[in-house]
Amino acid sequence: MTEITIQNGTLIARMTGIDIVLAARRKVVTPLAHIVSIEETPDLRQQAKRGWKLIGGYLPGWFRNGTFREDGHTTFWNVTGIAAVRAVTITLRNDRFSQLVLAVHDPAGTIASIRAALPTETTSVA
C-alpha cells in the first residue's frame, strides 16, 4: 500500500512493507501544482499490461511496483495484489513521472483530500 500525505504544498507518497523493495524506492515527492487530475483507477488488470519495466518489480496479475515506460511516458506504479486492491491514478505535468498509479486503502477519501489541498488554479481540474 501507499501512504499519502500532504505537507507544505507537496504530495508525498510513501511505500510501506515489501513495496519499498519491489518499487525500488521509499517515496515519491511531487509539488501539488504539478497535479493535473486524480481519479480512481478503473481497471488495474488491463492497465498493468501496458509498457515496459525500467526498475522495480512486476509479476503479471500479482504486482506492479516501480518505474515503467508507457506510451512514451514514464509512470510510477505501487500496486501489490492487482486483483484485490483499489488504486488512484494521479496525472502530472512538468514532473519526472507523467502518472502515479498508487494502491491506497480509501481511494475516494484520498482523492477528496488531495483535491482539497490543490492550489486554487488546479482545483477545477478533474
Protein backbone atom coordinates (compact mmCIF):
# COMPACT_ATOMS: atom_id res chain seq x y z
CA MET A 1 0.00 0.00 0.00
CA THR A 2 0.89 3.62 -0.32
CA GLU A 3 0.57 6.21 2.44
CA ILE A 4 -0.15 9.64 1.00
CA THR A 5 0.49 12.82 2.96
CA ILE A 6 0.48 16.47 2.02
CA GLN A 7 2.99 18.88 3.53
CA ASN A 8 3.84 22.44 2.52
CA GLY A 9 2.27 22.21 -0.94
CA THR A 10 3.87 18.87 -1.67
CA LEU A 11 2.35 15.41 -2.13
CA ILE A 12 4.42 12.65 -0.53
CA ALA A 13 3.64 9.04 -1.47
CA ARG A 14 5.42 6.63 0.91
CA MET A 15 5.71 2.95 0.15
CA THR A 16 5.22 0.51 3.02
CA GLY A 17 6.39 -3.02 3.76
CA ILE A 18 7.61 -5.14 0.86
CA ASP A 19 6.55 -2.41 -1.57
CA ILE A 20 9.72 -0.49 -0.66
CA VAL A 21 11.80 -3.33 -2.11
CA LEU A 22 9.51 -4.03 -5.08
CA ALA A 23 9.24 -0.36 -6.08
CA ALA A 24 12.97 0.24 -5.53
CA ARG A 25 12.21 3.45 -3.62
CA ARG A 26 10.76 4.58 -0.32
CA LYS A 27 8.81 7.61 -1.52
CA VAL A 28 7.79 9.79 -4.44
CA VAL A 29 7.55 13.54 -3.83
CA THR A 30 5.82 15.99 -6.19
CA PRO A 31 4.52 19.55 -5.85
CA LEU A 32 0.73 19.81 -5.71
CA ALA A 33 0.94 22.37 -8.53
CA HIS A 34 2.09 19.57 -10.88
CA ILE A 35 -1.14 17.59 -10.43
CA VAL A 36 -3.39 17.73 -13.49
CA SER A 37 -6.00 15.19 -12.38
CA ILE A 38 -6.67 12.42 -9.89
CA GLU A 39 -9.15 9.59 -10.25
CA GLU A 40 -9.81 6.06 -9.11
CA THR A 41 -8.13 3.58 -11.44
CA PRO A 42 -10.95 1.72 -13.19
CA ASP A 43 -9.27 -1.49 -14.37
CA LEU A 44 -5.91 -2.30 -12.80
CA ARG A 45 -5.52 -5.64 -14.60
CA GLN A 46 -5.88 -4.07 -18.04
CA GLN A 47 -3.69 -1.04 -17.31
CA ALA A 48 -0.96 -3.16 -15.73
CA LYS A 49 -0.33 -4.87 -19.09
CA ARG A 50 0.93 -1.67 -20.76
CA GLY A 51 4.52 -0.54 -21.18
CA TRP A 52 7.94 -1.75 -20.11
CA LYS A 53 9.52 -2.05 -16.67
CA LEU A 54 12.55 0.19 -16.16
CA ILE A 55 13.19 -0.55 -12.50
CA GLY A 56 11.17 -2.35 -9.84
CA GLY A 57 9.10 -5.49 -9.62
CA TYR A 58 6.45 -6.86 -11.95
CA LEU A 59 4.60 -10.16 -11.97
CA PRO A 60 1.57 -10.11 -14.31
CA GLY A 61 -1.69 -10.28 -12.39
CA TRP A 62 0.03 -10.04 -8.98
CA PHE A 63 2.05 -6.87 -8.56
CA ARG A 64 3.48 -3.91 -10.44
CA ASN A 65 5.81 -1.71 -8.45
CA GLY A 66 8.41 0.73 -9.72
CA THR A 67 9.15 2.83 -12.77
CA PHE A 68 7.66 1.91 -16.15
CA ARG A 69 7.69 3.35 -19.65
CA GLU A 70 4.18 3.53 -21.13
CA ASP A 71 3.22 5.16 -24.43
CA GLY A 72 6.36 7.31 -24.42
CA HIS A 73 5.84 8.49 -20.83
CA THR A 74 7.44 7.48 -17.55
CA THR A 75 4.99 6.27 -14.90
CA PHE A 76 5.37 5.08 -11.34
CA TRP A 77 3.31 2.19 -10.00
CA ASN A 78 2.94 0.92 -6.45
CA VAL A 79 0.26 -1.78 -6.66
CA THR A 80 0.59 -5.15 -4.94
CA GLY A 81 -2.33 -7.57 -5.25
CA ILE A 82 -3.63 -6.22 -8.57
CA ALA A 83 -6.82 -8.31 -8.44
CA ALA A 84 -7.78 -7.33 -4.89
CA VAL A 85 -6.80 -3.69 -4.34
CA ARG A 86 -8.14 -0.35 -5.41
CA ALA A 87 -5.88 2.41 -6.62
CA VAL A 88 -5.78 6.03 -7.68
CA THR A 89 -4.13 7.45 -10.78
CA ILE A 90 -2.57 10.88 -10.41
CA THR A 91 -1.71 12.57 -13.71
CA LEU A 92 1.16 15.06 -13.52
CA ARG A 93 2.73 17.75 -15.71
CA ASN A 94 6.30 19.09 -15.63
CA ASP A 95 7.40 16.19 -13.43
CA ARG A 96 9.69 13.18 -13.67
CA PHE A 97 6.62 10.93 -13.87
CA SER A 98 3.61 11.59 -16.08
CA GLN A 99 1.42 9.40 -13.85
CA LEU A 100 1.45 7.82 -10.42
CA VAL A 101 -0.70 4.69 -10.00
CA LEU A 102 -0.92 4.01 -6.27
CA ALA A 103 -2.79 1.40 -4.24
CA VAL A 104 -4.47 3.10 -1.28
CA HIS A 105 -6.84 1.96 1.48
CA ASP A 106 -9.53 4.52 0.67
CA PRO A 107 -9.46 5.82 -2.93
CA ALA A 108 -12.44 8.18 -2.52
CA GLY A 109 -11.02 9.68 0.68
CA THR A 110 -7.57 10.01 -0.86
CA ILE A 111 -8.97 11.75 -3.93
CA ALA A 112 -11.03 14.14 -1.80
CA SER A 113 -8.12 15.08 0.47
CA ILE A 114 -5.75 15.71 -2.44
CA ARG A 115 -8.33 17.77 -4.35
CA ALA A 116 -9.00 19.84 -1.22
CA ALA A 117 -5.28 20.61 -0.90
CA LEU A 118 -4.71 21.58 -4.55
CA PRO A 119 -3.86 25.18 -5.35
CA THR A 120 -6.95 27.11 -6.46
CA GLU A 121 -5.94 27.26 -10.15
CA THR A 122 -5.90 23.43 -10.36
CA THR A 123 -8.89 22.55 -8.18
CA SER A 124 -11.31 22.85 -11.11
CA VAL A 125 -9.47 20.06 -12.97
CA ALA A 126 -10.97 16.57 -12.67
